[in-house]
């Protein structure tokens, strides 16, 4: 999930600016690494996706998917 696209959808839902800035900071801090045995890779900045264990993740995913479903319905395509 592209973070910018998610933020646009949140803005369209009139989310509070303070909450939007908080989420933006939260996503900006996202990093990950790979562990193989006892070794860890360097940290890599996460530029897309949402945290699987995040309390807000199901809601944020629903906001994003809702916009995709609406675009598909409006296009007249799909099954």
N, C-alpha and C. Protein backbone atom coordinates (compact mmCIF):
# COMPACT_ATOMS: atom_id res chain seq x y z
N UNK A 1 0.84 -1.16 0.00
CA UNK A 1 0.00 0.00 0.00
C UNK A 1 0.90 1.24 0.00
N UNK A 2 0.66 2.09 -0.94
CA UNK A 2 1.43 3.33 -1.06
C UNK A 2 0.99 4.29 0.04
N UNK A 3 1.94 4.80 0.80
CA UNK A 3 1.61 5.68 1.92
C UNK A 3 0.96 6.98 1.45
N UNK A 4 1.46 7.55 0.36
CA UNK A 4 0.89 8.81 -0.14
C UNK A 4 -0.57 8.62 -0.54
N UNK A 5 -0.87 7.51 -1.20
CA UNK A 5 -2.25 7.23 -1.60
C UNK A 5 -3.15 7.06 -0.37
N UNK A 6 -2.62 6.41 0.66
CA UNK A 6 -3.39 6.25 1.89
C UNK A 6 -3.66 7.61 2.53
N UNK A 7 -2.67 8.48 2.59
CA UNK A 7 -2.85 9.79 3.19
C UNK A 7 -3.88 10.63 2.41
N UNK A 8 -3.88 10.49 1.11
CA UNK A 8 -4.87 11.20 0.29
C UNK A 8 -6.27 10.73 0.64
N UNK A 9 -6.44 9.42 0.79
CA UNK A 9 -7.76 8.88 1.16
C UNK A 9 -8.18 9.35 2.56
N UNK A 10 -7.24 9.42 3.47
CA UNK A 10 -7.55 9.91 4.81
C UNK A 10 -7.95 11.39 4.78
N UNK A 11 -7.27 12.18 3.94
CA UNK A 11 -7.62 13.59 3.82
C UNK A 11 -9.02 13.75 3.24
N UNK A 12 -9.37 12.89 2.28
CA UNK A 12 -10.71 12.95 1.69
C UNK A 12 -11.79 12.60 2.71
N UNK A 13 -11.41 11.88 3.75
CA UNK A 13 -12.35 11.53 4.82
C UNK A 13 -12.31 12.56 5.95
N UNK A 14 -11.65 13.68 5.69
CA UNK A 14 -11.58 14.80 6.65
C UNK A 14 -11.00 14.41 8.00
N UNK A 15 -9.93 13.60 7.96
CA UNK A 15 -9.26 13.23 9.21
C UNK A 15 -8.60 14.48 9.80
N UNK A 16 -8.54 14.54 11.10
CA UNK A 16 -7.90 15.69 11.75
C UNK A 16 -6.44 15.82 11.30
N UNK A 17 -6.01 17.04 11.06
CA UNK A 17 -4.65 17.30 10.59
C UNK A 17 -3.63 16.77 11.59
N UNK A 18 -3.90 16.94 12.86
CA UNK A 18 -2.98 16.47 13.89
C UNK A 18 -2.81 14.95 13.82
N UNK A 19 -3.91 14.23 13.63
CA UNK A 19 -3.84 12.78 13.51
C UNK A 19 -3.12 12.36 12.23
N UNK A 20 -3.37 13.09 11.16
CA UNK A 20 -2.69 12.80 9.90
C UNK A 20 -1.18 12.98 10.04
N UNK A 21 -0.76 14.05 10.71
CA UNK A 21 0.67 14.29 10.94
C UNK A 21 1.28 13.20 11.82
N UNK A 22 0.51 12.75 12.81
CA UNK A 22 0.97 11.67 13.68
C UNK A 22 1.18 10.39 12.88
N UNK A 23 0.22 10.05 12.04
CA UNK A 23 0.36 8.86 11.19
C UNK A 23 1.52 8.99 10.22
N UNK A 24 1.69 10.17 9.66
CA UNK A 24 2.80 10.41 8.74
C UNK A 24 4.14 10.19 9.43
N UNK A 25 4.27 10.68 10.64
CA UNK A 25 5.50 10.49 11.41
C UNK A 25 5.69 9.01 11.74
N UNK A 26 4.62 8.34 12.13
CA UNK A 26 4.67 6.92 12.47
C UNK A 26 5.16 6.09 11.28
N UNK A 27 4.61 6.38 10.09
CA UNK A 27 5.06 5.66 8.89
C UNK A 27 6.48 6.03 8.51
N UNK A 28 6.86 7.29 8.74
CA UNK A 28 8.21 7.74 8.39
C UNK A 28 9.28 7.05 9.22
N UNK A 29 8.92 6.60 10.43
CA UNK A 29 9.88 5.93 11.30
C UNK A 29 10.03 4.44 11.00
N UNK A 30 9.23 3.93 10.06
CA UNK A 30 9.23 2.49 9.78
C UNK A 30 10.51 1.99 9.13
N UNK A 31 11.14 1.03 9.77
CA UNK A 31 12.33 0.37 9.22
C UNK A 31 12.20 -1.14 9.46
N UNK A 32 12.97 -1.90 8.71
CA UNK A 32 12.96 -3.36 8.88
C UNK A 32 14.34 -3.91 8.56
N UNK A 33 14.58 -5.12 9.02
CA UNK A 33 15.81 -5.82 8.68
C UNK A 33 15.49 -7.30 8.55
N UNK A 34 16.45 -8.03 8.02
CA UNK A 34 16.31 -9.47 7.83
C UNK A 34 17.27 -10.16 8.79
N UNK A 35 16.78 -11.20 9.45
CA UNK A 35 17.63 -11.98 10.36
C UNK A 35 17.85 -13.36 9.75
N UNK A 36 19.11 -13.74 9.65
CA UNK A 36 19.49 -15.07 9.18
C UNK A 36 20.41 -15.66 10.24
N UNK A 37 19.92 -16.65 10.93
CA UNK A 37 20.70 -17.21 12.03
C UNK A 37 20.85 -16.17 13.12
N UNK A 38 22.09 -15.82 13.42
CA UNK A 38 22.36 -14.80 14.43
C UNK A 38 22.73 -13.45 13.82
N UNK A 39 22.70 -13.37 12.49
CA UNK A 39 23.09 -12.14 11.79
C UNK A 39 21.87 -11.33 11.37
N UNK A 40 22.02 -10.00 11.45
CA UNK A 40 20.97 -9.08 11.02
C UNK A 40 21.48 -8.25 9.85
N UNK A 41 20.61 -7.99 8.89
CA UNK A 41 20.97 -7.11 7.78
C UNK A 41 20.93 -5.66 8.25
N UNK A 42 21.33 -4.77 7.36
CA UNK A 42 21.20 -3.35 7.66
C UNK A 42 19.73 -2.98 7.67
N UNK A 43 19.39 -1.91 8.38
CA UNK A 43 18.02 -1.44 8.40
C UNK A 43 17.64 -0.83 7.05
N UNK A 44 16.42 -1.11 6.61
CA UNK A 44 15.91 -0.58 5.35
C UNK A 44 14.65 0.21 5.66
N UNK A 45 14.56 1.42 5.12
CA UNK A 45 13.37 2.26 5.34
C UNK A 45 12.19 1.66 4.57
N UNK A 46 11.04 1.57 5.23
CA UNK A 46 9.84 1.05 4.61
C UNK A 46 9.10 2.20 3.92
N UNK A 47 8.87 2.06 2.63
CA UNK A 47 8.21 3.13 1.89
C UNK A 47 6.78 2.79 1.51
N UNK A 48 6.34 1.58 1.80
CA UNK A 48 4.97 1.20 1.51
C UNK A 48 4.54 0.10 2.48
N UNK A 49 3.25 -0.17 2.50
CA UNK A 49 2.73 -1.19 3.39
C UNK A 49 2.32 -0.63 4.74
N UNK A 50 1.66 -1.49 5.52
CA UNK A 50 1.26 -1.11 6.87
C UNK A 50 1.72 -2.20 7.83
N UNK A 51 1.84 -1.84 9.10
CA UNK A 51 2.32 -2.79 10.09
C UNK A 51 1.27 -3.85 10.35
N UNK A 52 1.68 -5.12 10.26
CA UNK A 52 0.73 -6.21 10.45
C UNK A 52 0.21 -6.28 11.87
N UNK A 53 1.00 -5.84 12.82
CA UNK A 53 0.57 -5.93 14.22
C UNK A 53 0.01 -4.61 14.74
N UNK A 54 -0.13 -3.61 13.88
CA UNK A 54 -0.61 -2.31 14.31
C UNK A 54 -2.09 -2.32 14.63
N UNK A 55 -2.47 -1.65 15.70
CA UNK A 55 -3.87 -1.58 16.10
C UNK A 55 -4.71 -0.87 15.03
N UNK A 56 -4.13 0.14 14.38
CA UNK A 56 -4.86 0.89 13.35
C UNK A 56 -4.80 0.24 11.97
N UNK A 57 -3.96 -0.77 11.80
CA UNK A 57 -3.75 -1.36 10.48
C UNK A 57 -5.02 -1.85 9.80
N UNK A 58 -5.93 -2.56 10.49
CA UNK A 58 -7.16 -2.99 9.80
C UNK A 58 -8.00 -1.80 9.31
N UNK A 59 -8.08 -0.75 10.11
CA UNK A 59 -8.84 0.43 9.70
C UNK A 59 -8.18 1.10 8.50
N UNK A 60 -6.86 1.29 8.55
CA UNK A 60 -6.15 1.94 7.45
C UNK A 60 -6.25 1.13 6.17
N UNK A 61 -6.19 -0.18 6.29
CA UNK A 61 -6.34 -1.06 5.14
C UNK A 61 -7.75 -0.92 4.55
N UNK A 62 -8.75 -0.87 5.41
CA UNK A 62 -10.13 -0.74 4.95
C UNK A 62 -10.35 0.58 4.22
N UNK A 63 -9.76 1.66 4.72
CA UNK A 63 -9.87 2.96 4.06
C UNK A 63 -9.28 2.88 2.66
N UNK A 64 -8.12 2.27 2.55
CA UNK A 64 -7.44 2.17 1.25
C UNK A 64 -8.23 1.27 0.30
N UNK A 65 -8.63 0.10 0.76
CA UNK A 65 -9.35 -0.85 -0.09
C UNK A 65 -10.70 -0.28 -0.51
N UNK A 66 -11.36 0.45 0.36
CA UNK A 66 -12.64 1.07 0.04
C UNK A 66 -12.51 1.98 -1.17
N UNK A 67 -11.43 2.74 -1.23
CA UNK A 67 -11.23 3.63 -2.38
C UNK A 67 -10.98 2.84 -3.65
N UNK A 68 -10.28 1.72 -3.55
CA UNK A 68 -10.03 0.88 -4.73
C UNK A 68 -11.34 0.28 -5.23
N UNK A 69 -12.15 -0.23 -4.32
CA UNK A 69 -13.45 -0.82 -4.69
C UNK A 69 -14.33 0.24 -5.36
N UNK A 70 -14.35 1.44 -4.83
CA UNK A 70 -15.16 2.51 -5.42
C UNK A 70 -14.70 2.85 -6.83
N UNK A 71 -13.38 2.83 -7.06
CA UNK A 71 -12.86 3.10 -8.42
C UNK A 71 -13.27 2.00 -9.38
N UNK A 72 -13.23 0.76 -8.92
CA UNK A 72 -13.62 -0.36 -9.78
C UNK A 72 -15.10 -0.27 -10.12
N UNK A 73 -15.95 0.02 -9.12
CA UNK A 73 -17.38 0.16 -9.36
C UNK A 73 -17.66 1.28 -10.36
N UNK A 74 -16.98 2.40 -10.22
CA UNK A 74 -17.18 3.54 -11.09
C UNK A 74 -16.74 3.26 -12.53
N UNK A 75 -15.76 2.37 -12.68
CA UNK A 75 -15.24 2.07 -14.02
C UNK A 75 -16.17 1.17 -14.82
N UNK A 76 -17.06 0.44 -14.12
CA UNK A 76 -17.95 -0.49 -14.81
C UNK A 76 -17.26 -1.82 -15.13
N UNK A 77 -16.02 -1.98 -14.68
CA UNK A 77 -15.29 -3.22 -14.92
C UNK A 77 -15.40 -4.11 -13.70
N UNK A 78 -14.85 -5.27 -13.77
CA UNK A 78 -14.85 -6.17 -12.62
C UNK A 78 -15.83 -7.31 -12.81
N UNK A 79 -15.93 -8.14 -11.80
CA UNK A 79 -16.81 -9.30 -11.93
C UNK A 79 -18.14 -9.08 -11.22
